[in-house]
Amino acid sequence: MRLLDTTLRDGEQTPGVALKPEDKLAIALKLEELGVDSIEAGFPIVSDGEFRAVKSIAREVSNSEVIALARTRREDIDRVIDADVPAVHIFIATSDLHMRYKLRMGREEVVEAAVNAVTYAKSHGLTVEFSAEDATRSDPKFLARVFQEVVNAGADRLDIADTVGVMWPSKMASLVRFVRENVRGNYLLSVHCHDDFGMAVANSVAAIEAGADQAHGTINGVGERAGNAALEEIAAAVRFLLNYDVGIKFEKIKEVSDLVSKLFGIPVPPNKAIVGANAFSHESGIHVHGVLSNPLTYEPIDPGAVGMSRRIVVGKHSGRHSIMYVLRSMGIEPRDDIVNTVLRRIKELGDMGIRASEEDIRHIVMEVLNQGSDRPY
């Protein structure tokens, strides 16, 4: 399957985020290292800075396809051409809601605009990905008609956009199969999922399993409203659960995540899948015992596979195995009396709502060693 990363376009539409051209280029180069198939560099007609950023990315990136967004307007497509970008992502809404209240266009007008835009872009040698905005709230028969018309006009890829995140996995899979069955021709089928109901990644994976060829995503799931499907989660799920080849250098995911977090000014939640600080962290005594015996007991994949490290966290829920692990890492023989006393003191702190830092734990250990553990746990 292919992965199209839209961190620099849809991701930058996160409220309050505005990247400088040099920031966008830095992220693009990391995405190229990561191995994404397509990098959506931006929306060139938005501003002069955006145009310059897209053009510099197209100039510097060679191992990933660079693609830029355009409405079904010639001036938008011309701006993509002027930026020396080899591929264009053309979109227009196909739902009755959007056509009536936003576009103020009828169905025939939308079909004509889509076909004319694709024809114009192809006449300039561009690879064309066509997105039906709000596809998941569109009349399926009309959606299929629009898709068929743009394929006939030369579109290389079609994209089902779940613009406001209203799908669920079974329904997304059903729509993918419907499009496959009703749109003829040689095209790649893509999905673009938003996370308004927390199902963007699940919908993307379901779409791939149902026959889609490509998924759009953003690093860390950044994006407008509740964000987009997190690219690192899609990639990991499809690779490690479905066993598809995604071409991603998984060991570089954490680097890209950290850079996006820094430049976007948005911290990664600790419980974020794949790249969160707690994704491969363990405190519960039962879990730690299992992980130390065999990591597969409580880890679905080796954390090193995605550039992460396992952490054993000591706290209120810890057991003896956690303390023994800490003592051994400090070069200390984990005698029962030391283990029991250290564990008791850490649990006492936890019961007071105090989170013991690594420095606190080392201090407790050294204090117990220096004073002697005369009180059993």
Protein backbone atom coordinates (compact mmCIF):
# COMPACT_ATOMS: atom_id res chain seq x y z
CA MET A 1 0.00 0.00 0.00
CA ARG A 2 0.98 3.66 -0.41
CA LEU A 3 1.05 6.34 2.28
CA LEU A 4 0.44 9.98 1.49
CA ASP A 5 1.56 12.28 4.27
CA THR A 6 -0.40 15.51 4.56
CA THR A 7 1.23 16.90 7.72
CA LEU A 8 2.41 19.95 5.78
CA ARG A 9 -0.99 20.68 4.27
CA ASP A 10 -3.95 19.33 6.23
CA GLY A 11 -1.82 19.04 9.36
CA GLU A 12 -0.82 22.70 9.15
CA GLN A 13 -4.53 23.56 9.16
CA THR A 14 -4.44 22.80 12.88
CA PRO A 15 -5.88 25.95 14.52
CA GLY A 16 -3.09 28.27 15.62
CA VAL A 17 -0.33 26.55 13.64
CA ALA A 18 1.65 28.36 10.95
CA LEU A 19 4.96 26.97 9.72
CA LYS A 20 7.77 28.96 8.18
CA PRO A 21 9.01 27.70 4.78
CA GLU A 22 12.24 26.42 6.34
CA ASP A 23 10.24 24.48 8.95
CA LYS A 24 8.14 22.86 6.26
CA LEU A 25 11.26 21.86 4.34
CA ALA A 26 12.84 20.37 7.48
CA ILE A 27 9.76 18.21 8.07
CA ALA A 28 9.57 17.23 4.40
CA LEU A 29 13.17 16.00 4.42
CA LYS A 30 12.44 13.89 7.51
CA LEU A 31 9.35 12.46 5.83
CA GLU A 32 11.47 11.55 2.83
CA GLU A 33 13.91 9.73 5.16
CA LEU A 34 10.95 7.97 6.78
CA GLY A 35 9.98 6.59 3.38
CA VAL A 36 6.48 7.94 2.76
CA ASP A 37 5.36 7.55 -0.84
CA SER A 38 3.87 11.03 -1.24
CA ILE A 39 4.43 14.27 0.64
CA GLU A 40 1.62 16.80 0.31
CA ALA A 41 3.77 19.90 0.56
CA GLY A 42 1.00 22.46 0.86
CA PHE A 43 -1.56 24.61 -0.93
CA PRO A 44 0.55 26.90 -3.17
CA ILE A 45 -2.11 29.50 -3.94
CA VAL A 46 -2.68 30.28 -0.23
CA SER A 47 0.26 32.70 0.13
CA ASP A 48 3.65 33.63 -1.30
CA GLY A 49 5.38 31.90 1.63
CA GLU A 50 3.37 28.75 1.03
CA PHE A 51 4.30 28.83 -2.65
CA ARG A 52 7.99 29.23 -1.82
CA ALA A 53 7.84 26.39 0.69
CA VAL A 54 6.18 24.03 -1.79
CA LYS A 55 8.68 24.96 -4.50
CA SER A 56 11.68 24.39 -2.22
CA ILE A 57 10.32 21.01 -1.13
CA ALA A 58 9.79 19.99 -4.77
CA ARG A 59 13.38 21.02 -5.48
CA GLU A 60 14.97 19.25 -2.48
CA VAL A 61 12.92 16.04 -2.20
CA SER A 62 13.62 13.34 -4.76
CA ASN A 63 12.85 9.96 -3.18
CA SER A 64 9.20 10.69 -2.33
CA GLU A 65 6.56 12.08 -4.66
CA VAL A 66 5.82 15.74 -3.92
CA ILE A 67 2.19 16.69 -4.40
CA ALA A 68 0.32 19.97 -3.85
CA LEU A 69 -3.32 20.87 -3.32
CA ALA A 70 -5.56 22.71 -5.78
CA ARG A 71 -9.22 23.49 -6.11
CA THR A 72 -10.89 22.86 -9.47
CA ARG A 73 -9.65 26.24 -10.65
CA ARG A 74 -7.06 26.83 -13.35
CA GLU A 75 -5.29 29.49 -11.29
CA ASP A 76 -4.79 26.94 -8.48
CA ILE A 77 -3.40 24.34 -10.87
CA ASP A 78 -1.18 26.94 -12.56
CA ARG A 79 0.28 27.80 -9.17
CA VAL A 80 1.11 24.10 -8.63
CA ILE A 81 2.76 23.98 -12.06
CA ASP A 82 4.77 27.14 -11.29
CA ALA A 83 6.02 25.49 -8.09
CA ASP A 84 7.54 22.70 -10.22
CA VAL A 85 5.54 20.05 -8.41
CA PRO A 86 5.02 16.83 -10.41
CA ALA A 87 1.66 15.89 -8.90
CA VAL A 88 -1.52 17.73 -8.00
CA HIS A 89 -4.25 16.89 -5.51
CA ILE A 90 -7.47 18.35 -6.93
CA PHE A 91 -10.57 18.46 -4.79
CA ILE A 92 -14.20 19.49 -4.95
CA ALA A 93 -17.10 18.65 -2.67
CA THR A 94 -19.63 16.06 -3.80
CA SER A 95 -22.15 16.00 -0.94
CA ASP A 96 -25.48 17.77 -1.45
CA LEU A 97 -24.82 19.65 1.80
CA HIS A 98 -21.53 21.11 0.58
CA MET A 99 -22.70 21.68 -2.97
CA ARG A 100 -25.75 23.62 -1.81
CA TYR A 101 -24.40 25.67 1.09
CA LYS A 102 -20.70 26.07 0.28
CA LEU A 103 -20.21 25.75 -3.46
CA ARG A 104 -23.69 26.89 -4.46
CA MET A 105 -23.38 24.59 -7.43
CA GLY A 106 -25.59 21.88 -8.87
CA ARG A 107 -24.45 18.32 -9.54
CA GLU A 108 -23.83 18.87 -13.24
CA GLU A 109 -21.72 21.92 -12.49
CA VAL A 110 -19.60 19.93 -10.04
CA VAL A 111 -19.05 17.14 -12.55
CA GLU A 112 -18.06 19.66 -15.23
CA ALA A 113 -15.66 21.51 -12.89
CA ALA A 114 -14.00 18.27 -11.80
CA VAL A 115 -13.56 16.93 -15.33
CA ASN A 116 -12.23 20.25 -16.67
CA ALA A 117 -9.71 20.55 -13.84
CA VAL A 118 -8.41 17.01 -14.26
CA THR A 119 -8.21 17.40 -18.05
CA TYR A 120 -6.28 20.66 -17.67
CA ALA A 121 -3.83 19.20 -15.13
CA LYS A 122 -3.21 16.09 -17.25
CA SER A 123 -2.59 18.27 -20.31
CA HIS A 124 0.34 19.77 -18.36
CA GLY A 125 1.81 16.36 -17.55
CA LEU A 126 0.83 16.24 -13.87
CA THR A 127 0.02 13.11 -11.91
CA VAL A 128 -3.51 13.73 -10.66
CA GLU A 129 -5.08 12.61 -7.41
CA PHE A 130 -8.74 13.60 -7.28
CA SER A 131 -10.51 13.95 -3.93
CA ALA A 132 -14.24 14.05 -3.47
CA GLU A 133 -14.56 16.30 -0.43
CA ASP A 134 -17.21 15.07 2.02
CA ALA A 135 -17.40 11.88 -0.01
CA THR A 136 -18.70 9.90 2.96
CA ARG A 137 -21.83 12.07 3.17
CA SER A 138 -22.37 12.06 -0.59
CA ASP A 139 -24.98 10.12 -2.52
CA PRO A 140 -22.95 6.99 -3.36
CA LYS A 141 -24.29 6.80 -6.90
CA PHE A 142 -23.36 10.43 -7.57
CA LEU A 143 -19.94 9.87 -5.97
CA ALA A 144 -19.34 6.92 -8.28
CA ARG A 145 -20.41 9.01 -11.27
CA VAL A 146 -17.99 11.83 -10.41
CA PHE A 147 -15.19 9.33 -9.88
CA GLN A 148 -15.91 7.61 -13.19
CA GLU A 149 -15.94 10.90 -15.07
CA VAL A 150 -12.56 12.01 -13.67
CA VAL A 151 -11.02 8.60 -14.33
CA ASN A 152 -12.23 8.89 -17.91
CA ALA A 153 -10.56 12.33 -17.99
CA GLY A 154 -7.24 10.80 -16.89
CA ALA A 155 -7.17 10.95 -13.06
CA ASP A 156 -4.51 8.60 -11.71
CA ARG A 157 -5.81 8.29 -8.15
CA LEU A 158 -9.19 8.71 -6.49
CA ASP A 159 -9.63 9.71 -2.88
CA ILE A 160 -12.59 9.07 -0.60
CA ALA A 161 -12.47 11.96 1.88
CA ASP A 162 -14.19 11.44 5.23
CA THR A 163 -14.04 15.17 5.74
CA VAL A 164 -15.86 15.38 9.05
CA GLY A 165 -15.00 11.92 10.38
CA VAL A 166 -18.48 10.40 10.31
CA MET A 167 -17.52 6.89 9.17
CA TRP A 168 -16.97 3.72 11.14
CA PRO A 169 -14.84 0.78 9.97
CA SER A 170 -17.54 -1.49 8.54
CA LYS A 171 -19.20 1.38 6.71
CA MET A 172 -15.87 2.62 5.33
CA ALA A 173 -15.04 -0.86 4.09
CA SER A 174 -18.45 -1.07 2.44
CA LEU A 175 -17.94 2.27 0.65
CA VAL A 176 -14.51 1.22 -0.61
CA ARG A 177 -15.99 -1.97 -2.06
CA PHE A 178 -18.86 0.04 -3.61
CA VAL A 179 -16.42 2.35 -5.40
CA ARG A 180 -14.32 -0.58 -6.58
CA GLU A 181 -17.40 -2.30 -7.98
CA ASN A 182 -18.87 0.77 -9.66
CA VAL A 183 -15.92 2.77 -10.98
CA ARG A 184 -14.07 1.15 -13.87
CA GLY A 185 -10.58 1.90 -15.06
CA ASN A 186 -6.95 1.90 -14.04
CA TYR A 187 -6.69 3.98 -10.87
CA LEU A 188 -5.41 3.79 -7.31
CA LEU A 189 -8.00 4.23 -4.60
CA SER A 190 -7.17 6.27 -1.53
CA VAL A 191 -8.88 7.30 1.71
CA HIS A 192 -8.51 10.46 3.77
CA CYS A 193 -9.94 10.12 7.27
CA HIS A 194 -10.55 12.65 10.02
CA ASP A 195 -10.75 11.77 13.70
CA ASP A 196 -13.90 13.54 14.90
CA PHE A 197 -15.21 10.33 16.49
CA GLY A 198 -11.80 8.83 17.20
CA MET A 199 -11.95 6.29 14.37
CA ALA A 200 -9.70 7.79 11.69
CA VAL A 201 -6.98 5.15 11.97
CA ALA A 202 -9.46 2.29 12.29
CA ASN A 203 -11.35 3.56 9.23
CA SER A 204 -8.11 3.86 7.25
CA VAL A 205 -7.02 0.32 8.14
CA ALA A 206 -10.48 -1.06 7.34
CA ALA A 207 -10.35 0.71 3.97
CA ILE A 208 -6.97 -0.83 3.14
CA GLU A 209 -8.20 -4.27 4.13
CA ALA A 210 -11.26 -3.75 1.90
CA GLY A 211 -9.16 -2.93 -1.15
CA ALA A 212 -7.96 0.69 -0.97
CA ASP A 213 -4.42 1.20 -2.24
CA GLN A 214 -3.42 4.28 -0.26
CA ALA A 215 -4.21 6.13 2.97
CA HIS A 216 -3.60 9.77 3.84
CA GLY A 217 -2.31 10.61 7.29
CA THR A 218 -0.44 13.14 9.37
CA ILE A 219 2.38 12.64 11.85
CA ASN A 220 1.01 12.57 15.41
CA GLY A 221 -2.51 12.88 13.96
CA VAL A 222 -2.26 16.68 13.73
CA GLY A 223 -4.94 18.51 11.80
CA GLU A 224 -8.04 20.63 12.03
CA ARG A 225 -10.66 19.94 14.72
CA ALA A 226 -9.87 16.49 16.21
CA GLY A 227 -7.09 15.91 13.70
CA ASN A 228 -6.36 13.45 10.90
CA ALA A 229 -5.55 9.78 10.95
CA ALA A 230 -2.10 9.38 12.52
CA LEU A 231 0.21 8.16 9.78
CA GLU A 232 2.51 6.31 12.19
CA GLU A 233 -0.46 4.38 13.60
CA ILE A 234 -1.80 3.45 10.16
CA ALA A 235 1.65 2.33 9.02
CA ALA A 236 2.29 0.24 12.13
CA ALA A 237 -1.17 -1.36 12.13
CA VAL A 238 -1.04 -2.26 8.44
CA ARG A 239 2.53 -3.57 8.69
CA PHE A 240 2.39 -5.48 11.98
CA LEU A 241 -1.27 -6.55 12.03
CA LEU A 242 -2.18 -6.96 8.34
CA ASN A 243 1.39 -7.79 7.28
CA TYR A 244 1.34 -5.42 4.30
CA ASP A 245 4.50 -3.86 2.89
CA VAL A 246 4.38 -0.12 3.56
CA GLY A 247 7.97 0.84 2.77
CA ILE A 248 8.34 2.85 5.98
CA LYS A 249 11.61 2.95 7.91
CA PHE A 250 9.92 2.40 11.24
CA GLU A 251 13.03 3.08 13.29
CA LYS A 252 12.81 6.75 12.17
CA ILE A 253 9.21 7.33 13.24
CA LYS A 254 10.08 8.74 16.66
CA GLU A 255 12.49 11.30 15.13
CA VAL A 256 9.82 12.60 12.78
CA SER A 257 7.22 12.66 15.56
CA ASP A 258 9.52 14.70 17.81
CA LEU A 259 10.28 17.21 15.04
CA VAL A 260 6.61 17.72 14.18
CA SER A 261 5.74 18.11 17.86
CA LYS A 262 8.46 20.74 18.28
CA LEU A 263 7.71 22.80 15.17
CA PHE A 264 3.92 22.58 15.58
CA GLY A 265 4.19 23.42 19.29
CA ILE A 266 1.91 20.50 20.15
CA PRO A 267 3.15 17.99 22.76
CA VAL A 268 2.62 14.30 22.05
CA PRO A 269 0.19 12.88 24.65
CA PRO A 270 1.94 10.32 26.88
CA ASN A 271 -0.62 7.64 26.01
CA LYS A 272 -0.37 8.25 22.26
CA ALA A 273 -0.04 4.98 20.36
CA ILE A 274 3.36 4.10 18.87
CA VAL A 275 5.22 7.33 19.77
CA GLY A 276 3.82 8.38 23.17
CA ALA A 277 6.13 8.27 26.21
CA ASN A 278 3.93 5.61 27.80
CA ALA A 279 3.41 3.49 24.67
CA PHE A 280 6.02 0.98 25.88
CA SER A 281 6.11 1.89 29.59
CA HIS A 282 5.09 -0.46 32.38
CA GLU A 283 4.36 0.15 36.07
CA SER A 284 1.88 -2.51 37.18
CA GLY A 285 3.69 -5.28 39.02
CA ILE A 286 1.88 -7.99 37.07
CA HIS A 287 2.80 -6.35 33.75
CA VAL A 288 6.42 -5.77 34.68
CA HIS A 289 6.83 -9.37 35.78
CA GLY A 290 5.38 -10.53 32.45
CA VAL A 291 7.43 -8.14 30.31
CA LEU A 292 10.68 -9.01 32.05
CA SER A 293 9.94 -12.70 31.54
CA ASN A 294 8.85 -12.31 27.92
CA PRO A 295 8.14 -8.87 26.36
CA LEU A 296 5.36 -10.29 24.17
CA THR A 297 3.20 -10.78 27.26
CA TYR A 298 2.36 -7.06 27.36
CA GLU A 299 3.89 -5.55 24.22
CA PRO A 300 2.41 -6.15 20.75
CA ILE A 301 5.70 -5.33 19.02
CA ASP A 302 9.32 -4.73 19.96
CA PRO A 303 9.56 -1.01 20.85
CA GLY A 304 12.87 -0.83 19.00
CA ALA A 305 11.00 -1.62 15.77
CA VAL A 306 9.47 1.87 15.87
CA GLY A 307 12.43 3.71 17.35
CA MET A 308 11.14 3.54 20.91
CA SER A 309 12.53 2.08 24.15
CA ARG A 310 10.94 0.01 26.88
CA ARG A 311 10.55 1.80 30.22
CA ILE A 312 9.96 0.21 33.59
CA VAL A 313 8.26 2.85 35.72
CA VAL A 314 8.34 2.48 39.50
CA GLY A 315 5.31 3.71 41.43
CA LYS A 316 2.35 2.82 43.62
CA HIS A 317 1.31 -0.10 41.38
CA SER A 318 4.77 -1.63 41.19
CA GLY A 319 5.75 -5.00 42.56
CA ARG A 320 8.96 -6.66 43.68
CA HIS A 321 10.12 -7.40 40.12
CA SER A 322 10.21 -3.67 39.30
CA ILE A 323 12.39 -2.92 42.32
CA MET A 324 14.68 -5.84 41.52
CA TYR A 325 15.03 -4.51 37.96
CA VAL A 326 15.94 -1.04 39.24
CA LEU A 327 18.43 -2.37 41.75
CA ARG A 328 20.16 -4.54 39.17
CA SER A 329 20.34 -1.59 36.75
CA MET A 330 22.16 0.27 39.54
CA GLY A 331 24.56 -2.62 40.05
CA ILE A 332 23.03 -3.54 43.42
CA GLU A 333 22.23 -7.11 44.50
CA PRO A 334 18.44 -7.18 45.08
CA ARG A 335 18.30 -8.73 48.57
CA ASP A 336 14.81 -9.30 49.93
CA ASP A 337 15.17 -6.82 52.80
CA ILE A 338 16.31 -4.02 50.47
CA VAL A 339 13.61 -4.79 47.87
CA ASN A 340 10.85 -4.85 50.48
CA THR A 341 11.87 -1.60 52.16
CA VAL A 342 12.32 0.34 48.93
CA LEU A 343 8.98 -0.93 47.63
CA ARG A 344 7.21 0.05 50.86
CA ARG A 345 8.55 3.59 50.77
CA ILE A 346 7.58 4.07 47.11
CA LYS A 347 4.05 2.82 47.79
CA GLU A 348 3.78 5.21 50.75
CA LEU A 349 4.64 8.10 48.43
CA GLY A 350 2.08 6.88 45.91
CA ASP A 351 -0.64 6.74 48.54
CA MET A 352 0.10 10.40 49.28
CA GLY A 353 -0.34 11.25 45.59
CA ILE A 354 3.38 11.81 45.10
CA ARG A 355 4.93 10.56 41.88
CA ALA A 356 8.49 9.39 42.53
CA SER A 357 10.95 10.53 39.87
CA GLU A 358 13.96 8.44 38.86
CA GLU A 359 16.08 10.71 41.04
CA ASP A 360 13.70 10.16 43.98
CA ILE A 361 13.93 6.40 43.54
CA ARG A 362 17.71 6.44 43.44
CA HIS A 363 17.72 8.59 46.57
CA ILE A 364 15.41 6.13 48.35
CA VAL A 365 17.58 3.19 47.32
CA MET A 366 20.77 4.86 48.53
CA GLU A 367 19.10 5.92 51.78
CA VAL A 368 17.97 2.36 52.44
CA LEU A 369 21.45 1.03 51.71
CA ASN A 370 23.11 3.60 53.95
CA GLN A 371 20.68 3.27 56.85
CA GLY A 372 20.11 -0.48 56.66
CA SER A 373 16.70 -2.00 56.03
CA ASP A 374 15.73 -2.80 59.60
CA ARG A 375 12.00 -2.65 58.96
CA PRO A 376 10.58 -5.42 56.78
CA TYR A 377 7.82 -4.57 54.33
